[in-house]
Protein backbone atom coordinates (compact mmCIF):
# COMPACT_ATOMS: atom_id res chain seq x y z
CA UNK A 1 51.43 -76.55 -3.27
CA UNK A 2 54.87 -76.87 -4.80
CA UNK A 3 56.24 -80.08 -6.18
CA UNK A 4 60.05 -80.06 -5.86
CA UNK A 5 60.54 -82.00 -9.10
CA UNK A 6 57.97 -79.91 -10.98
CA UNK A 7 56.47 -83.15 -12.30
CA UNK A 8 53.00 -84.54 -11.58
CA UNK A 9 52.26 -88.08 -12.72
CA UNK A 10 48.78 -89.59 -12.77
CA UNK A 11 45.36 -88.48 -11.58
CA UNK A 12 46.23 -89.11 -7.93
CA UNK A 13 48.99 -86.47 -8.13
CA UNK A 14 47.06 -84.00 -10.28
CA UNK A 15 43.86 -83.95 -8.16
CA UNK A 16 45.40 -82.40 -5.00
CA UNK A 17 47.33 -79.88 -7.13
CA UNK A 18 44.16 -78.56 -8.75
CA UNK A 19 42.16 -78.77 -5.51
CA UNK A 20 44.79 -76.58 -3.88
CA UNK A 21 44.95 -74.19 -6.82
CA UNK A 22 41.21 -73.74 -7.12
CA UNK A 23 40.83 -73.12 -3.38
CA UNK A 24 43.67 -70.59 -3.39
CA UNK A 25 42.74 -68.55 -6.46
CA UNK A 26 38.96 -68.45 -6.91
CA UNK A 27 37.62 -67.49 -9.33
CA UNK A 28 40.21 -68.55 -11.88
CA UNK A 29 40.05 -66.70 -15.17
CA UNK A 30 42.02 -67.52 -18.31
CA UNK A 31 42.12 -65.50 -21.53
CA UNK A 32 42.84 -67.62 -24.59
CA UNK A 33 45.37 -65.94 -26.89
CA UNK A 34 46.04 -68.74 -29.36
CA UNK A 35 46.05 -72.46 -30.10
CA UNK A 36 48.85 -73.95 -32.16
CA UNK A 37 48.54 -77.45 -33.57
CA UNK A 38 51.52 -79.66 -34.33
CA UNK A 39 51.90 -83.30 -35.26
CA UNK A 40 50.79 -85.19 -32.14
CA UNK A 41 50.82 -82.12 -29.92
CA UNK A 42 49.12 -78.82 -29.26
CA UNK A 43 50.25 -75.53 -27.75
CA UNK A 44 47.80 -73.36 -25.82
CA UNK A 45 48.81 -69.71 -25.34
CA UNK A 46 46.85 -67.82 -22.69
CA UNK A 47 46.85 -65.14 -20.05
CA UNK A 48 46.62 -66.70 -16.59
CA UNK A 49 46.00 -65.53 -13.04
CA UNK A 50 47.25 -61.98 -12.55
CA UNK A 51 47.45 -61.58 -16.34
CA UNK A 52 50.62 -63.67 -16.46
CA UNK A 53 51.40 -65.03 -19.93
CA UNK A 54 51.60 -68.81 -20.31
CA UNK A 55 52.02 -71.50 -22.94
CA UNK A 56 51.15 -75.13 -22.30
CA UNK A 57 52.22 -77.88 -24.69
CA UNK A 58 50.40 -81.22 -24.59
CA UNK A 59 51.57 -84.35 -26.41
CA UNK A 60 49.05 -87.02 -27.43
CA UNK A 61 49.32 -90.75 -28.15
CA UNK A 62 47.45 -92.62 -30.92
CA UNK A 63 44.40 -92.97 -28.62
CA UNK A 64 44.30 -89.15 -28.27
CA UNK A 65 45.29 -89.29 -24.61
CA UNK A 66 47.71 -86.75 -23.19
CA UNK A 67 51.00 -88.48 -22.47
CA UNK A 68 53.11 -85.45 -21.61
CA UNK A 69 52.50 -81.83 -20.79
CA UNK A 70 54.70 -78.86 -20.01
CA UNK A 71 53.81 -75.34 -18.97
CA UNK A 72 55.91 -72.26 -19.58
CA UNK A 73 55.17 -69.02 -17.73
CA UNK A 74 56.23 -65.55 -18.78
CA UNK A 75 56.15 -62.13 -17.24
CA UNK A 76 53.09 -60.31 -16.03
CA UNK A 77 51.54 -58.43 -18.92
């Protein structure tokens, strides 16, 4: 499932994305490489499906809810 804009907003948009991803790639396995904490955000560095490197950055509001997230994918390693 590709989203032309690359942006998913809200649970209604995220649910079908993950349903599709989990059905396509079972079993998913992630290897945590590092967690980096900033002021109001966190970066998660991991090895994804097919050993592809990835970093996800999540931004939080004062209620500790994620308000923004971006994922960056690198080469296969």
